[in-house]
Amino acid sequence: MRGLLYIIAVILVIGWALGVFAYSLGGLIHTLLLIAVISLILGLIKGSSKI
């Protein structure tokens, strides 16, 4: 029974670590997406001002 609890604890810790990493990565993806949108908008504004 103690071995089973140890295995469950290890699985939960690994799941927690993956969840934290995935959450952080999700934030990074959203940040990169925001930077891309801002760059696109700035490119459109600068491109239309040259006309």
PDB file of N, CA and C in Angstrom:
ATOM      1  N   MET A   1       0.821  -1.197   0.000  1.00  0.00           N
ATOM      2  CA  MET A   1       0.000   0.000   0.000  1.00  0.00           C
ATOM      3  C   MET A   1       0.864   1.260   0.000  1.00  0.00           C
ATOM      4  N   ARG A   2       1.981   1.224   0.705  1.00  0.00           N
ATOM      5  CA  ARG A   2       2.853   2.393   0.753  1.00  0.00           C
ATOM      6  C   ARG A   2       3.464   2.666  -0.616  1.00  0.00           C
ATOM      7  N   GLY A   3       3.795   1.612  -1.355  1.00  0.00           N
ATOM      8  CA  GLY A   3       4.343   1.774  -2.707  1.00  0.00           C
ATOM      9  C   GLY A   3       3.329   2.413  -3.643  1.00  0.00           C
ATOM     10  N   LEU A   4       2.063   2.040  -3.495  1.00  0.00           N
ATOM     11  CA  LEU A   4       1.013   2.599  -4.327  1.00  0.00           C
ATOM     12  C   LEU A   4       0.843   4.101  -4.049  1.00  0.00           C
ATOM     13  N   LEU A   5       0.875   4.479  -2.780  1.00  0.00           N
ATOM     14  CA  LEU A   5       0.768   5.892  -2.429  1.00  0.00           C
ATOM     15  C   LEU A   5       1.957   6.679  -2.965  1.00  0.00           C
ATOM     16  N   TYR A   6       3.134   6.068  -2.934  1.00  0.00           N
ATOM     17  CA  TYR A   6       4.332   6.721  -3.468  1.00  0.00           C
ATOM     18  C   TYR A   6       4.187   6.953  -4.967  1.00  0.00           C
ATOM     19  N   ILE A   7       3.682   5.951  -5.676  1.00  0.00           N
ATOM     20  CA  ILE A   7       3.493   6.065  -7.122  1.00  0.00           C
ATOM     21  C   ILE A   7       2.466   7.160  -7.433  1.00  0.00           C
ATOM     22  N   ILE A   8       1.372   7.186  -6.683  1.00  0.00           N
ATOM     23  CA  ILE A   8       0.353   8.218  -6.893  1.00  0.00           C
ATOM     24  C   ILE A   8       0.934   9.603  -6.617  1.00  0.00           C
ATOM     25  N   ALA A   9       1.729   9.729  -5.565  1.00  0.00           N
ATOM     26  CA  ALA A   9       2.345  11.012  -5.237  1.00  0.00           C
ATOM     27  C   ALA A   9       3.289  11.456  -6.349  1.00  0.00           C
ATOM     28  N   VAL A  10       4.060  10.558  -6.888  1.00  0.00           N
ATOM     29  CA  VAL A  10       4.993  10.896  -7.969  1.00  0.00           C
ATOM     30  C   VAL A  10       4.219  11.323  -9.216  1.00  0.00           C
ATOM     31  N   ILE A  11       3.157  10.611  -9.540  1.00  0.00           N
ATOM     32  CA  ILE A  11       2.336  10.960 -10.701  1.00  0.00           C
ATOM     33  C   ILE A  11       1.717  12.346 -10.514  1.00  0.00           C
ATOM     34  N   LEU A  12       1.231  12.648  -9.307  1.00  0.00           N
ATOM     35  CA  LEU A  12       0.636  13.951  -9.056  1.00  0.00           C
ATOM     36  C   LEU A  12       1.670  15.066  -9.143  1.00  0.00           C
ATOM     37  N   VAL A  13       2.869  14.837  -8.639  1.00  0.00           N
ATOM     38  CA  VAL A  13       3.927  15.848  -8.718  1.00  0.00           C
ATOM     39  C   VAL A  13       4.326  16.082 -10.175  1.00  0.00           C
ATOM     40  N   ILE A  14       4.445  15.022 -10.955  1.00  0.00           N
ATOM     41  CA  ILE A  14       4.779  15.165 -12.375  1.00  0.00           C
ATOM     42  C   ILE A  14       3.665  15.914 -13.106  1.00  0.00           C
ATOM     43  N   GLY A  15       2.416  15.571 -12.808  1.00  0.00           N
ATOM     44  CA  GLY A  15       1.292  16.273 -13.422  1.00  0.00           C
ATOM     45  C   GLY A  15       1.265  17.739 -13.058  1.00  0.00           C
ATOM     46  N   TRP A  16       1.572  18.036 -11.794  1.00  0.00           N
ATOM     47  CA  TRP A  16       1.624  19.427 -11.355  1.00  0.00           C
ATOM     48  C   TRP A  16       2.726  20.180 -12.100  1.00  0.00           C
ATOM     49  N   ALA A  17       3.909  19.561 -12.219  1.00  0.00           N
ATOM     50  CA  ALA A  17       5.028  20.207 -12.906  1.00  0.00           C
ATOM     51  C   ALA A  17       4.687  20.449 -14.375  1.00  0.00           C
ATOM     52  N   LEU A  18       4.057  19.486 -15.022  1.00  0.00           N
ATOM     53  CA  LEU A  18       3.663  19.666 -16.418  1.00  0.00           C
ATOM     54  C   LEU A  18       2.604  20.764 -16.546  1.00  0.00           C
ATOM     55  N   GLY A  19       1.692  20.823 -15.594  1.00  0.00           N
ATOM     56  CA  GLY A  19       0.662  21.857 -15.617  1.00  0.00           C
ATOM     57  C   GLY A  19       1.252  23.243 -15.468  1.00  0.00           C
ATOM     58  N   VAL A  20       2.209  23.393 -14.565  1.00  0.00           N
ATOM     59  CA  VAL A  20       2.870  24.690 -14.379  1.00  0.00           C
ATOM     60  C   VAL A  20       3.632  25.067 -15.636  1.00  0.00           C
ATOM     61  N   PHE A  21       4.339  24.104 -16.237  1.00  0.00           N
ATOM     62  CA  PHE A  21       5.097  24.373 -17.459  1.00  0.00           C
ATOM     63  C   PHE A  21       4.158  24.740 -18.605  1.00  0.00           C
ATOM     64  N   ALA A  22       3.056  24.000 -18.738  1.00  0.00           N
ATOM     65  CA  ALA A  22       2.102  24.277 -19.811  1.00  0.00           C
ATOM     66  C   ALA A  22       1.462  25.642 -19.606  1.00  0.00           C
ATOM     67  N   TYR A  23       1.168  25.999 -18.363  1.00  0.00           N
ATOM     68  CA  TYR A  23       0.578  27.311 -18.083  1.00  0.00           C
ATOM     69  C   TYR A  23       1.567  28.415 -18.429  1.00  0.00           C
ATOM     70  N   SER A  24       2.828  28.230 -18.072  1.00  0.00           N
ATOM     71  CA  SER A  24       3.851  29.223 -18.386  1.00  0.00           C
ATOM     72  C   SER A  24       4.053  29.327 -19.891  1.00  0.00           C
ATOM     73  N   LEU A  25       4.057  28.202 -20.549  1.00  0.00           N
ATOM     74  CA  LEU A  25       4.225  28.196 -21.997  1.00  0.00           C
ATOM     75  C   LEU A  25       3.032  28.860 -22.663  1.00  0.00           C
ATOM     76  N   GLY A  26       1.846  28.650 -22.120  1.00  0.00           N
ATOM     77  CA  GLY A  26       0.659  29.298 -22.663  1.00  0.00           C
ATOM     78  C   GLY A  26       0.771  30.797 -22.550  1.00  0.00           C
ATOM     79  N   GLY A  27       1.285  31.282 -21.443  1.00  0.00           N
ATOM     80  CA  GLY A  27       1.503  32.714 -21.280  1.00  0.00           C
ATOM     81  C   GLY A  27       2.509  33.236 -22.280  1.00  0.00           C
ATOM     82  N   LEU A  28       3.545  32.459 -22.527  1.00  0.00           N
ATOM     83  CA  LEU A  28       4.570  32.862 -23.491  1.00  0.00           C
ATOM     84  C   LEU A  28       3.975  32.933 -24.892  1.00  0.00           C
ATOM     85  N   ILE A  29       3.144  31.966 -25.238  1.00  0.00           N
ATOM     86  CA  ILE A  29       2.514  31.952 -26.561  1.00  0.00           C
ATOM     87  C   ILE A  29       1.604  33.167 -26.717  1.00  0.00           C
ATOM     88  N   HIS A  30       0.853  33.498 -25.659  1.00  0.00           N
ATOM     89  CA  HIS A  30      -0.012  34.670 -25.731  1.00  0.00           C
ATOM     90  C   HIS A  30       0.812  35.956 -25.858  1.00  0.00           C
ATOM     91  N   THR A  31       1.928  36.027 -25.173  1.00  0.00           N
ATOM     92  CA  THR A  31       2.794  37.195 -25.270  1.00  0.00           C
ATOM     93  C   THR A  31       3.354  37.340 -26.681  1.00  0.00           C
ATOM     94  N   LEU A  32       3.822  36.246 -27.257  1.00  0.00           N
ATOM     95  CA  LEU A  32       4.350  36.291 -28.619  1.00  0.00           C
ATOM     96  C   LEU A  32       3.263  36.652 -29.621  1.00  0.00           C
ATOM     97  N   LEU A  33       2.051  36.152 -29.400  1.00  0.00           N
ATOM     98  CA  LEU A  33       0.938  36.489 -30.278  1.00  0.00           C
ATOM     99  C   LEU A  33       0.612  37.974 -30.185  1.00  0.00           C
ATOM    100  N   LEU A  34       0.633  38.528 -28.988  1.00  0.00           N
ATOM    101  CA  LEU A  34       0.377  39.946 -28.798  1.00  0.00           C
ATOM    102  C   LEU A  34       1.444  40.789 -29.495  1.00  0.00           C
ATOM    103  N   ILE A  35       2.697  40.399 -29.378  1.00  0.00           N
ATOM    104  CA  ILE A  35       3.789  41.124 -30.043  1.00  0.00           C
ATOM    105  C   ILE A  35       3.609  41.052 -31.562  1.00  0.00           C
ATOM    106  N   ALA A  36       3.204  39.902 -32.078  1.00  0.00           N
ATOM    107  CA  ALA A  36       2.995  39.758 -33.515  1.00  0.00           C
ATOM    108  C   ALA A  36       1.862  40.657 -33.998  1.00  0.00           C
ATOM    109  N   VAL A  37       0.770  40.725 -33.247  1.00  0.00           N
ATOM    110  CA  VAL A  37      -0.359  41.575 -33.635  1.00  0.00           C
ATOM    111  C   VAL A  37       0.045  43.046 -33.604  1.00  0.00           C
ATOM    112  N   ILE A  38       0.764  43.461 -32.561  1.00  0.00           N
ATOM    113  CA  ILE A  38       1.222  44.849 -32.478  1.00  0.00           C
ATOM    114  C   ILE A  38       2.158  45.171 -33.639  1.00  0.00           C
ATOM    115  N   SER A  39       3.053  44.249 -33.985  1.00  0.00           N
ATOM    116  CA  SER A  39       3.965  44.469 -35.113  1.00  0.00           C
ATOM    117  C   SER A  39       3.195  44.595 -36.417  1.00  0.00           C
ATOM    118  N   LEU A  40       2.171  43.777 -36.580  1.00  0.00           N
ATOM    119  CA  LEU A  40       1.350  43.842 -37.786  1.00  0.00           C
ATOM    120  C   LEU A  40       0.624  45.179 -37.878  1.00  0.00           C
ATOM    121  N   ILE A  41       0.054  45.625 -36.774  1.00  0.00           N
ATOM    122  CA  ILE A  41      -0.649  46.910 -36.765  1.00  0.00           C
ATOM    123  C   ILE A  41       0.318  48.057 -37.051  1.00  0.00           C
ATOM    124  N   LEU A  42       1.473  48.039 -36.423  1.00  0.00           N
ATOM    125  CA  LEU A  42       2.461  49.092 -36.680  1.00  0.00           C
ATOM    126  C   LEU A  42       2.931  49.067 -38.134  1.00  0.00           C
ATOM    127  N   GLY A  43       3.097  47.883 -38.686  1.00  0.00           N
ATOM    128  CA  GLY A  43       3.483  47.765 -40.095  1.00  0.00           C
ATOM    129  C   GLY A  43       2.419  48.324 -41.019  1.00  0.00           C
ATOM    130  N   LEU A  44       1.160  48.081 -40.697  1.00  0.00           N
ATOM    131  CA  LEU A  44       0.073  48.616 -41.523  1.00  0.00           C
ATOM    132  C   LEU A  44       0.009  50.128 -41.407  1.00  0.00           C
ATOM    133  N   ILE A  45       0.212  50.659 -40.204  1.00  0.00           N
ATOM    134  CA  ILE A  45       0.173  52.114 -40.012  1.00  0.00           C
ATOM    135  C   ILE A  45       1.332  52.777 -40.736  1.00  0.00           C
ATOM    136  N   LYS A  46       2.517  52.252 -40.613  1.00  0.00           N
ATOM    137  CA  LYS A  46       3.678  52.834 -41.285  1.00  0.00           C
ATOM    138  C   LYS A  46       3.578  52.673 -42.797  1.00  0.00           C
ATOM    139  N   GLY A  47       3.016  51.557 -43.231  1.00  0.00           N
ATOM    140  CA  GLY A  47       2.853  51.341 -44.675  1.00  0.00           C
ATOM    141  C   GLY A  47       1.836  52.278 -45.274  1.00  0.00           C
ATOM    142  N   SER A  48       0.765  52.557 -44.563  1.00  0.00           N
ATOM    143  CA  SER A  48      -0.268  53.442 -45.114  1.00  0.00           C
ATOM    144  C   SER A  48       0.150  54.907 -45.031  1.00  0.00           C
ATOM    145  N   SER A  49       1.062  55.246 -44.146  1.00  0.00           N
ATOM    146  CA  SER A  49       1.499  56.650 -44.040  1.00  0.00           C
ATOM    147  C   SER A  49       2.456  57.016 -45.176  1.00  0.00           C
ATOM    148  N   LYS A  50       3.052  56.046 -45.827  1.00  0.00           N
ATOM    149  CA  LYS A  50       3.972  56.316 -46.940  1.00  0.00           C
ATOM    150  C   LYS A  50       3.210  56.650 -48.218  1.00  0.00           C
ATOM    151  N   ILE A  51       1.956  56.299 -48.281  1.00  0.00           N
ATOM    152  CA  ILE A  51       1.158  56.519 -49.493  1.00  0.00           C
ATOM    153  C   ILE A  51       0.760  57.964 -49.628  1.00  0.00           C
TER     154      ILE A  51
END
